[in-house]
Structure formats: C-alpha cells, structure tokens
Amino acid sequence: MTDLRDDVKRGFHDHFGHHATGIWSAPGRVNLIGEHTDYNDGFVFPFAINRRTVVALRLRDDHAARVSSSFSDEIVTIDLPTLRPDGVSDWAAYPLGVAWALNHFDADLTSVPGFELYIDSEVPIGAGLSSSAAIESAVALALNDVWQLDLDRQTLARVGQLAENQVVGAPTGIMDQSAALLGKRDCGVFLDCRSEQSEIIPLGFAEAGLELVVVDTKVSHSHATGGYAARRSSCEAGALALGVPSLRDVQVKDLARAREILDAETFKRVTHVVTENQRVLDFVSILRERGPAHVGTILDASHRSLRDDFEVSVPELDLAVETAQSHGALGARMTGGGFGGAAIALVPTHLVSLVCVELDGAFAEHGYAQPDVFVVSASLGATRDA
C-alpha cells in the first residue's frame, strides 16, 4: 500500500503539474457466500480484501472535474453542472458517475467546486473482486470529505450503487459498495440487502489454521453486458409470476409450487436465489456456532447451484474449484457475478502451496492461461490515508 500511495502521488503530479491535497483508498471484496442475492433483496456475506484502489484529489477554483488514471493516458474533463449519465463512458464513468450520483443525495453540482482526481489500483480488473466498487467507494469517500457533505457510509454505498446502475450501466445490487465501505479487519459483513442493515462478524480463519485462496482465472467479464442483466430479468420475471415483491419472499419450501408455475429456465434461476439465501443464513449460523472449519460444504453447494441452476460459471472456474477441492480445500466456489473472474477456496494453511502448484498444473494441462493465485485476508474498508 505504501508504494501504491506513492505511485498515486507521482501520477497525480505527472498528470496535473502540482500535488494532491488528499489520498483516499478503498478495498476490493471477496464474497464468501450469497451470489446474485443482493439485487433480489436477499442476504450476502462478503469481506473487504487487502488489495485496494487509491485516489489522489485536489479541489479546483472552478466547476471543472478532471479525472485521470494509471490505466489510461487520457485526462477526461467535464463541467460538473452539465454532468449527465450518458455524457461519460469507459473508466471515467466510475469516478464521474459518483459525482453525478452525489447530486441525488446532498451535493448541488452547480455550487460545489470542481476537482482533479487520479486513480491507481491493485484490485484485479474483471476478476470478480469488485474493482469497480473499490473505485466508486474511494471516490465517494473523497468527495464526501472535500465537499463536506457529511453522508454516512450506508448512504455512500447507495451513491456507488446508483453510479454503477445509472452511469456505468451495470444492474448490480448494494453488496459490493457495502463491503468496500463497511469492512473491518478479520471480519465479514453480513448484509440484509432489503433493510440495508449490516452486522460485522469475526471470521476466525487464522485461528482455525485456514487461508482464503483466490484464483483469478484471467477470463475477463463485464456486468454491463448481457449475461448478468439477463439473469436479473429472469429473477424479476420469477418474482412477478409468483406474486411476490422479490425472490427474498420465496422460501425453500415454496419451490415445489414454483416448479408448477414457472418455465424450466426461470425455475432454475429462482431455485438458485432461494437456496443461496438459505445458504447465507446457514453459513453465518455455522460460523458463529462451530467456526470456519465447518462451512466448506456450503461453499461447494453454492458453486454447484451457480454452475447448474444459474448457469454463470465457465470451464476455467469449474476447473479451479474442482482442483482446489481435490487437493485439500475444505470448500470452494466461484465468486462474483460469473461468466469469468475468480474462484475462492478455503484451504488449510499447510496445504496452500500444494493447491497453488496443482492449480497452475491443471490450467496448463487444459491449455488455459496461467491463473493468478493469491491469498487474501479481511481488511479495513474505505479510508482517508493522507
């Protein structure tokens, strides 16, 4: 992190010709359990990871917003009072989308000062670790501070979600931004996406001799493209046919009736969401009562459901999960929206090296690109660093 903060300071100076007045950062996230439940008003259990996005910012004396990043030589400039959802695109949609979204909560874009902003990140892009929410959360916290808006972190999470939905064009729920803003060290964030109430729950991985291994398959995905939106539409259609506000209101015992009402594909989508919600509740209950060594089978069941019922896995994710399971992982699953990205595996510490070697070998044997395999720990949410 120290090096990344220094890189951001240098990058800001190189792009804008003077020094930033503040540095903020926000983490990516791993979702332990609860996939595609957030936009169905359900339950999720993510944690903030120890890989972060860092932003440097300086206020201007006019209304211009100028944003730049380590992933583009371009400086995108826009007049804040004219900022519209369809007026920005590509990577600039994330920071400028947050500025636009803040206008819907407490910021008057015709009166707040403009800013210069530079972004750098160590959160892998397209890996299912929510690099987008890390950007949105760091920018939201920074603008909340410098514009003196005094919004709480739950509200800032809604700001990031609004930016993602309306400006980026990805129909995601509230989970990613909540994890990035509310995370605590060595803890997960148990979130009810309907009430937006959250509870910080200790994980206890280290005490149990366990590590969480992330396998970035390097198969890039985008939530703004059709697969994710199609799944969300299926969920909405299922809820409408079942006469409920959202799939949160369907229980496992209701699935027999749902099978009679829904077409086969919609039933499979609904089955995943309903059973996944129950898996989140079971995971948290077992974690509290028996500890992390006993949650592995729930991770395995989640992957089967995402693969077979929600159909968002890909061969590389399946291979990562199967390889980890067969070499000592207590449980493994794909994480994130799917169609690529990363898998996670809960592995005894003494087997981590073996699992990493076997993953590299398995991917090579199948002719896939070498995955990026690394261990993550639960980290602090968004902060001001300087």
Protein backbone atom coordinates (compact mmCIF):
# COMPACT_ATOMS: atom_id res chain seq x y z
CA MET A 1 0.00 0.00 0.00
CA THR A 2 2.81 2.46 0.79
CA ASP A 3 4.21 2.01 -2.70
CA LEU A 4 0.78 2.41 -4.31
CA ARG A 5 0.12 5.62 -2.39
CA ASP A 6 3.49 6.94 -3.57
CA ASP A 7 2.64 5.91 -7.14
CA VAL A 8 -0.65 7.78 -6.92
CA LYS A 9 1.03 10.92 -5.63
CA ARG A 10 3.53 10.80 -8.51
CA GLY A 11 0.83 10.01 -11.04
CA PHE A 12 -1.27 12.94 -9.89
CA HIS A 13 1.71 15.31 -10.14
CA ASP A 14 2.67 13.98 -13.57
CA HIS A 15 -0.83 14.48 -14.95
CA PHE A 16 -1.80 17.78 -13.33
CA GLY A 17 1.51 19.52 -12.61
CA HIS A 18 1.02 20.04 -8.89
CA HIS A 19 0.48 17.99 -5.73
CA ALA A 20 -2.74 16.43 -4.48
CA THR A 21 -4.17 17.63 -1.19
CA GLY A 22 -5.52 14.25 -0.09
CA ILE A 23 -5.23 10.49 -0.60
CA TRP A 24 -8.10 8.02 -0.09
CA SER A 25 -8.38 4.28 -0.66
CA ALA A 26 -10.99 1.53 -0.73
CA PRO A 27 -10.66 -2.25 -0.97
CA GLY A 28 -11.90 -4.81 -3.40
CA ARG A 29 -14.05 -7.54 -1.94
CA VAL A 30 -14.48 -11.27 -1.91
CA ASN A 31 -17.99 -12.55 -1.50
CA LEU A 32 -17.82 -15.57 0.76
CA ILE A 33 -21.42 -16.60 0.14
CA GLY A 34 -24.56 -15.04 -1.36
CA GLU A 35 -24.21 -14.67 -5.13
CA HIS A 36 -26.92 -12.88 -7.16
CA THR A 37 -28.97 -12.49 -3.99
CA ASP A 38 -28.26 -8.79 -3.45
CA TYR A 39 -30.47 -7.41 -6.22
CA ASN A 40 -33.18 -9.83 -5.07
CA ASP A 41 -33.37 -8.12 -1.65
CA GLY A 42 -31.58 -11.10 -0.10
CA PHE A 43 -28.63 -11.81 2.16
CA VAL A 44 -24.90 -11.65 1.39
CA PHE A 45 -21.71 -12.19 3.35
CA PRO A 46 -18.68 -10.53 1.73
CA PHE A 47 -15.47 -9.17 3.19
CA ALA A 48 -13.15 -6.35 2.15
CA ILE A 49 -9.79 -7.66 0.94
CA ASN A 50 -6.24 -6.42 1.40
CA ARG A 51 -5.99 -5.17 -2.19
CA ARG A 52 -7.00 -1.58 -2.67
CA THR A 53 -7.75 1.24 -5.09
CA VAL A 54 -6.15 4.57 -4.22
CA VAL A 55 -7.22 8.04 -5.39
CA ALA A 56 -5.49 11.40 -5.08
CA LEU A 57 -7.58 14.57 -5.24
CA ARG A 58 -7.25 18.32 -5.26
CA LEU A 59 -10.09 20.85 -5.40
CA ARG A 60 -10.22 23.47 -8.15
CA ASP A 61 -11.49 27.04 -8.04
CA ASP A 62 -13.98 26.44 -10.87
CA HIS A 63 -16.61 23.77 -11.64
CA ALA A 64 -14.47 21.53 -13.87
CA ALA A 65 -13.93 17.88 -12.96
CA ARG A 66 -10.74 16.39 -14.43
CA VAL A 67 -10.08 12.68 -13.90
CA SER A 68 -7.13 10.52 -14.90
CA SER A 69 -5.80 7.08 -14.03
CA SER A 70 -2.89 4.68 -14.28
CA PHE A 71 -4.83 2.66 -16.86
CA SER A 72 -5.15 5.48 -19.41
CA ASP A 73 -3.08 8.45 -20.54
CA GLU A 74 -6.29 10.38 -21.11
CA ILE A 75 -7.47 13.20 -18.85
CA VAL A 76 -11.26 13.38 -19.04
CA THR A 77 -12.64 16.85 -18.33
CA ILE A 78 -16.26 17.77 -17.81
CA ASP A 79 -18.12 20.74 -16.34
CA LEU A 80 -19.91 19.48 -13.22
CA PRO A 81 -23.20 21.36 -13.77
CA THR A 82 -23.51 19.68 -17.18
CA LEU A 83 -22.68 16.16 -15.96
CA ARG A 84 -25.21 13.61 -17.25
CA PRO A 85 -25.31 9.79 -17.07
CA ASP A 86 -24.92 9.46 -20.84
CA GLY A 87 -22.13 12.02 -21.02
CA VAL A 88 -19.26 9.82 -19.81
CA SER A 89 -18.05 6.35 -20.73
CA ASP A 90 -15.32 3.78 -20.24
CA TRP A 91 -13.28 4.00 -17.00
CA ALA A 92 -14.23 7.65 -16.40
CA ALA A 93 -17.85 6.59 -15.85
CA TYR A 94 -16.92 5.23 -12.42
CA PRO A 95 -15.48 8.38 -10.75
CA LEU A 96 -17.66 10.84 -12.66
CA GLY A 97 -20.69 8.63 -12.07
CA VAL A 98 -20.10 9.01 -8.34
CA ALA A 99 -20.02 12.80 -8.67
CA TRP A 100 -23.31 12.66 -10.59
CA ALA A 101 -24.86 10.28 -8.06
CA LEU A 102 -23.91 12.51 -5.12
CA ASN A 103 -26.08 15.18 -6.72
CA HIS A 104 -29.07 12.92 -5.93
CA PHE A 105 -28.26 12.86 -2.24
CA ASP A 106 -26.73 16.09 -0.93
CA ALA A 107 -24.34 17.69 -3.43
CA ASP A 108 -25.50 20.53 -5.67
CA LEU A 109 -23.27 20.19 -8.73
CA THR A 110 -23.95 23.81 -9.67
CA SER A 111 -22.31 25.07 -6.48
CA VAL A 112 -19.66 22.56 -5.37
CA PRO A 113 -16.07 23.19 -6.52
CA GLY A 114 -14.54 21.13 -9.28
CA PHE A 115 -11.66 18.74 -8.69
CA GLU A 116 -8.72 16.93 -10.17
CA LEU A 117 -8.53 13.19 -9.47
CA TYR A 118 -6.03 10.44 -10.21
CA ILE A 119 -6.72 6.70 -9.70
CA ASP A 120 -4.47 3.67 -9.33
CA SER A 121 -5.42 0.17 -8.20
CA GLU A 122 -4.07 -3.19 -7.15
CA VAL A 123 -7.52 -4.81 -7.37
CA PRO A 124 -7.56 -7.03 -10.48
CA ILE A 125 -9.97 -5.73 -13.12
CA GLY A 126 -12.59 -8.17 -14.38
CA ALA A 127 -11.75 -10.80 -11.77
CA GLY A 128 -15.00 -10.69 -9.79
CA LEU A 129 -13.31 -8.87 -6.90
CA SER A 130 -15.27 -5.65 -7.46
CA SER A 131 -12.62 -3.32 -8.78
CA SER A 132 -15.49 -1.04 -9.82
CA ALA A 133 -16.91 -0.64 -6.30
CA ALA A 134 -13.40 -0.01 -4.99
CA ILE A 135 -13.12 2.99 -7.33
CA GLU A 136 -16.63 4.21 -6.54
CA SER A 137 -16.16 3.89 -2.78
CA ALA A 138 -12.78 5.64 -2.70
CA VAL A 139 -14.11 8.50 -4.83
CA ALA A 140 -17.34 8.74 -2.85
CA LEU A 141 -15.45 8.99 0.44
CA ALA A 142 -13.05 11.57 -1.01
CA LEU A 143 -15.79 13.80 -2.42
CA ASN A 144 -17.86 13.41 0.74
CA ASP A 145 -14.87 14.73 2.68
CA VAL A 146 -13.79 17.62 0.45
CA TRP A 147 -17.33 18.75 -0.33
CA GLN A 148 -18.18 18.44 3.40
CA LEU A 149 -21.38 16.51 2.71
CA ASP A 150 -21.35 14.50 5.98
CA LEU A 151 -23.05 11.46 4.42
CA ASP A 152 -22.79 8.20 6.36
CA ARG A 153 -21.22 5.10 4.87
CA GLN A 154 -24.51 3.33 4.17
CA THR A 155 -25.55 6.35 2.10
CA LEU A 156 -22.21 6.40 0.30
CA ALA A 157 -22.81 2.74 -0.62
CA ARG A 158 -26.10 3.76 -2.22
CA VAL A 159 -24.26 6.52 -4.06
CA GLY A 160 -21.85 3.99 -5.54
CA GLN A 161 -24.68 1.66 -6.50
CA LEU A 162 -26.58 4.47 -8.22
CA ALA A 163 -23.46 5.38 -10.19
CA GLU A 164 -22.97 1.75 -11.22
CA ASN A 165 -26.60 1.31 -12.25
CA GLN A 166 -27.30 4.59 -13.99
CA VAL A 167 -23.94 5.77 -15.34
CA VAL A 168 -21.87 2.62 -15.83
CA GLY A 169 -24.98 0.70 -16.84
CA ALA A 170 -24.48 -2.40 -14.69
CA PRO A 171 -27.65 -3.54 -12.83
CA THR A 172 -25.81 -4.55 -9.65
CA GLY A 173 -27.04 -4.55 -6.05
CA ILE A 174 -25.72 -2.87 -2.93
CA MET A 175 -23.30 -5.60 -1.78
CA ASP A 176 -20.01 -4.53 -3.34
CA GLN A 177 -20.07 -0.94 -2.18
CA SER A 178 -21.24 -2.00 1.29
CA ALA A 179 -18.29 -4.36 1.67
CA ALA A 180 -15.84 -1.72 0.44
CA LEU A 181 -17.15 0.92 2.85
CA LEU A 182 -18.11 -1.12 5.93
CA GLY A 183 -15.36 -3.76 6.04
CA LYS A 184 -13.31 -4.42 9.18
CA ARG A 185 -10.08 -6.36 9.66
CA ASP A 186 -10.59 -10.13 10.14
CA CYS A 187 -14.36 -9.77 9.74
CA GLY A 188 -17.09 -10.30 7.20
CA VAL A 189 -20.06 -8.01 6.52
CA PHE A 190 -23.38 -9.84 6.94
CA LEU A 191 -25.77 -7.66 4.96
CA ASP A 192 -29.53 -7.73 4.58
CA CYS A 193 -29.94 -6.10 1.18
CA ARG A 194 -33.61 -5.30 1.77
CA SER A 195 -33.23 -3.37 5.03
CA GLU A 196 -29.57 -2.49 4.32
CA GLN A 197 -28.83 -3.43 7.93
CA SER A 198 -25.39 -4.93 8.38
CA GLU A 199 -23.54 -6.84 11.06
CA ILE A 200 -19.78 -7.24 11.38
CA ILE A 201 -18.93 -10.88 12.13
CA PRO A 202 -15.45 -12.22 13.03
CA LEU A 203 -14.18 -14.83 10.57
CA GLY A 204 -11.53 -16.59 12.66
CA PHE A 205 -9.69 -18.05 9.67
CA ALA A 206 -6.19 -17.58 11.11
CA GLU A 207 -7.10 -19.09 14.47
CA ALA A 208 -8.51 -22.13 12.65
CA GLY A 209 -5.36 -22.53 10.56
CA LEU A 210 -7.14 -21.58 7.34
CA GLU A 211 -6.45 -19.24 4.42
CA LEU A 212 -8.77 -17.96 1.72
CA VAL A 213 -7.16 -18.52 -1.67
CA VAL A 214 -8.32 -16.52 -4.68
CA VAL A 215 -7.90 -17.96 -8.18
CA ASP A 216 -8.18 -15.23 -10.81
CA THR A 217 -8.85 -17.24 -13.96
CA LYS A 218 -7.96 -14.27 -16.18
CA VAL A 219 -11.25 -14.80 -18.00
CA SER A 220 -12.47 -11.21 -18.00
CA HIS A 221 -16.12 -10.35 -17.60
CA SER A 222 -18.30 -7.25 -17.61
CA HIS A 223 -21.50 -6.77 -15.63
CA ALA A 224 -22.68 -4.17 -18.13
CA THR A 225 -23.06 -6.86 -20.81
CA GLY A 226 -26.00 -9.15 -21.42
CA GLY A 227 -25.50 -12.25 -19.25
CA TYR A 228 -25.76 -10.52 -15.90
CA ALA A 229 -28.72 -8.39 -16.99
CA ALA A 230 -30.49 -11.46 -18.39
CA ARG A 231 -30.18 -13.26 -15.05
CA ARG A 232 -31.59 -10.27 -13.23
CA SER A 233 -34.51 -10.12 -15.66
CA SER A 234 -35.23 -13.82 -15.05
CA CYS A 235 -35.32 -13.17 -11.30
CA GLU A 236 -37.72 -10.28 -11.74
CA ALA A 237 -39.93 -12.38 -14.02
CA GLY A 238 -39.93 -15.20 -11.48
CA ALA A 239 -40.95 -12.90 -8.64
CA LEU A 240 -43.74 -11.41 -10.77
CA ALA A 241 -45.10 -14.84 -11.71
CA LEU A 242 -45.00 -15.95 -8.07
CA GLY A 243 -46.78 -12.79 -6.93
CA VAL A 244 -44.08 -11.56 -4.56
CA PRO A 245 -42.18 -8.24 -4.41
CA SER A 246 -38.84 -10.04 -4.80
CA LEU A 247 -37.34 -13.51 -4.53
CA ARG A 248 -36.41 -12.66 -0.94
CA ASP A 249 -40.04 -13.50 -0.18
CA VAL A 250 -39.78 -17.06 -1.54
CA GLN A 251 -38.68 -19.83 0.83
CA VAL A 252 -37.13 -23.19 0.03
CA LYS A 253 -40.43 -24.86 0.93
CA ASP A 254 -42.15 -22.78 -1.79
CA LEU A 255 -40.06 -24.21 -4.62
CA ALA A 256 -42.42 -27.14 -5.24
CA ARG A 257 -45.19 -24.68 -6.05
CA ALA A 258 -42.80 -22.53 -8.09
CA ARG A 259 -41.94 -25.54 -10.28
CA GLU A 260 -45.61 -25.81 -11.28
CA ILE A 261 -45.87 -22.11 -12.19
CA LEU A 262 -42.57 -21.22 -13.84
CA ASP A 263 -40.96 -22.30 -17.08
CA ALA A 264 -37.94 -24.55 -16.68
CA GLU A 265 -35.27 -21.88 -17.12
CA THR A 266 -36.89 -19.34 -14.81
CA PHE A 267 -37.41 -22.06 -12.20
CA LYS A 268 -33.69 -22.86 -12.24
CA ARG A 269 -32.80 -19.20 -11.75
CA VAL A 270 -35.29 -18.85 -8.91
CA THR A 271 -34.06 -22.07 -7.30
CA HIS A 272 -30.53 -20.73 -7.13
CA VAL A 273 -31.51 -17.45 -5.49
CA VAL A 274 -33.86 -19.03 -2.96
CA THR A 275 -31.41 -21.75 -1.91
CA GLU A 276 -28.48 -19.31 -1.93
CA ASN A 277 -30.29 -17.03 0.50
CA GLN A 278 -30.69 -20.00 2.84
CA ARG A 279 -27.02 -20.88 2.39
CA VAL A 280 -26.01 -17.41 3.57
CA LEU A 281 -28.07 -17.80 6.73
CA ASP A 282 -26.69 -21.28 7.31
CA PHE A 283 -23.10 -20.13 6.69
CA VAL A 284 -23.33 -17.31 9.21
CA SER A 285 -25.02 -19.54 11.79
CA ILE A 286 -22.39 -22.28 11.45
CA LEU A 287 -19.55 -19.75 11.51
CA ARG A 288 -20.85 -18.35 14.80
CA GLU A 289 -21.63 -21.67 16.45
CA ARG A 290 -18.96 -24.06 15.12
CA GLY A 291 -16.31 -21.96 13.39
CA PRO A 292 -14.94 -21.63 9.85
CA ALA A 293 -13.69 -25.23 9.57
CA HIS A 294 -17.32 -26.34 9.16
CA VAL A 295 -18.57 -24.08 6.33
CA GLY A 296 -16.83 -25.77 3.39
CA THR A 297 -19.78 -27.87 2.23
CA ILE A 298 -21.87 -24.70 1.89
CA LEU A 299 -19.25 -23.19 -0.43
CA ASP A 300 -19.33 -26.36 -2.53
CA ALA A 301 -23.14 -26.30 -2.73
CA SER A 302 -23.12 -22.66 -3.77
CA HIS A 303 -20.81 -23.41 -6.70
CA ARG A 304 -22.97 -26.30 -7.90
CA SER A 305 -26.01 -24.03 -7.81
CA LEU A 306 -24.26 -21.23 -9.69
CA ARG A 307 -22.98 -23.71 -12.26
CA ASP A 308 -26.13 -25.78 -12.78
CA ASP A 309 -29.11 -23.59 -11.87
CA PHE A 310 -27.92 -20.03 -12.51
CA GLU A 311 -25.51 -21.09 -15.26
CA VAL A 312 -22.93 -18.33 -14.77
CA SER A 313 -19.81 -20.43 -14.33
CA VAL A 314 -17.25 -21.14 -17.06
CA PRO A 315 -14.90 -24.14 -17.55
CA GLU A 316 -11.95 -22.30 -16.03
CA LEU A 317 -13.91 -21.56 -12.85
CA ASP A 318 -15.12 -25.15 -12.63
CA LEU A 319 -11.54 -26.40 -13.03
CA ALA A 320 -10.27 -24.06 -10.31
CA VAL A 321 -12.97 -25.24 -7.90
CA GLU A 322 -12.51 -28.95 -8.66
CA THR A 323 -8.72 -28.76 -8.42
CA ALA A 324 -8.81 -26.98 -5.06
CA GLN A 325 -11.40 -29.42 -3.71
CA SER A 326 -9.37 -32.46 -4.74
CA HIS A 327 -6.18 -31.17 -3.08
CA GLY A 328 -7.38 -30.35 0.38
CA ALA A 329 -9.65 -27.31 0.22
CA LEU A 330 -12.48 -27.54 2.75
CA GLY A 331 -14.75 -25.86 0.20
CA ALA A 332 -14.56 -23.82 -2.99
CA ARG A 333 -16.80 -21.81 -5.28
CA MET A 334 -16.79 -19.20 -7.98
CA THR A 335 -17.24 -15.70 -6.59
CA GLY A 336 -18.66 -12.58 -8.19
CA GLY A 337 -21.21 -12.25 -10.96
CA GLY A 338 -19.80 -15.04 -13.10
CA PHE A 339 -19.00 -15.50 -16.80
CA GLY A 340 -15.34 -15.37 -15.80
CA GLY A 341 -13.48 -13.80 -12.92
CA ALA A 342 -12.32 -15.62 -9.82
CA ALA A 343 -12.94 -18.63 -7.65
CA ILE A 344 -12.23 -18.86 -3.92
CA ALA A 345 -11.11 -21.83 -1.83
CA LEU A 346 -10.93 -22.21 1.94
CA VAL A 347 -7.66 -24.08 2.43
CA PRO A 348 -5.71 -25.29 5.49
CA THR A 349 -2.59 -23.16 5.75
CA HIS A 350 -0.21 -26.10 5.34
CA LEU A 351 -1.85 -27.06 2.01
CA VAL A 352 -1.85 -23.64 0.35
CA SER A 353 1.41 -24.19 -1.54
CA LEU A 354 0.23 -27.56 -2.83
CA VAL A 355 -3.09 -26.15 -4.01
CA CYS A 356 -1.32 -23.30 -5.82
CA VAL A 357 1.04 -25.70 -7.62
CA GLU A 358 -1.79 -28.03 -8.60
CA LEU A 359 -3.87 -25.14 -9.94
CA ASP A 360 -1.03 -23.98 -12.18
CA GLY A 361 -0.55 -27.52 -13.44
CA ALA A 362 -4.23 -28.14 -14.08
CA PHE A 363 -4.67 -24.92 -16.06
CA ALA A 364 -1.58 -25.69 -18.14
CA GLU A 365 -2.80 -29.24 -18.82
CA HIS A 366 -6.11 -27.89 -20.13
CA GLY A 367 -4.44 -25.24 -22.29
CA TYR A 368 -5.79 -22.32 -20.27
CA ALA A 369 -3.89 -19.14 -19.44
CA GLN A 370 -1.99 -19.36 -16.17
CA PRO A 371 -4.22 -18.16 -13.33
CA ASP A 372 -3.19 -15.58 -10.77
CA VAL A 373 -3.44 -17.37 -7.42
CA PHE A 374 -3.07 -15.44 -4.17
CA VAL A 375 -4.19 -15.41 -0.55
CA VAL A 376 -6.40 -12.61 0.76
CA SER A 377 -7.29 -11.51 4.25
CA ALA A 378 -10.21 -9.44 5.53
CA SER A 379 -9.23 -5.78 5.51
CA LEU A 380 -10.38 -2.35 6.57
CA GLY A 381 -12.98 -0.56 4.45
CA ALA A 382 -12.52 2.77 2.71
CA THR A 383 -10.27 5.27 4.50
CA ARG A 384 -8.55 8.61 4.11
CA ASP A 385 -4.83 7.80 4.04
CA ALA A 386 -3.26 11.24 3.85
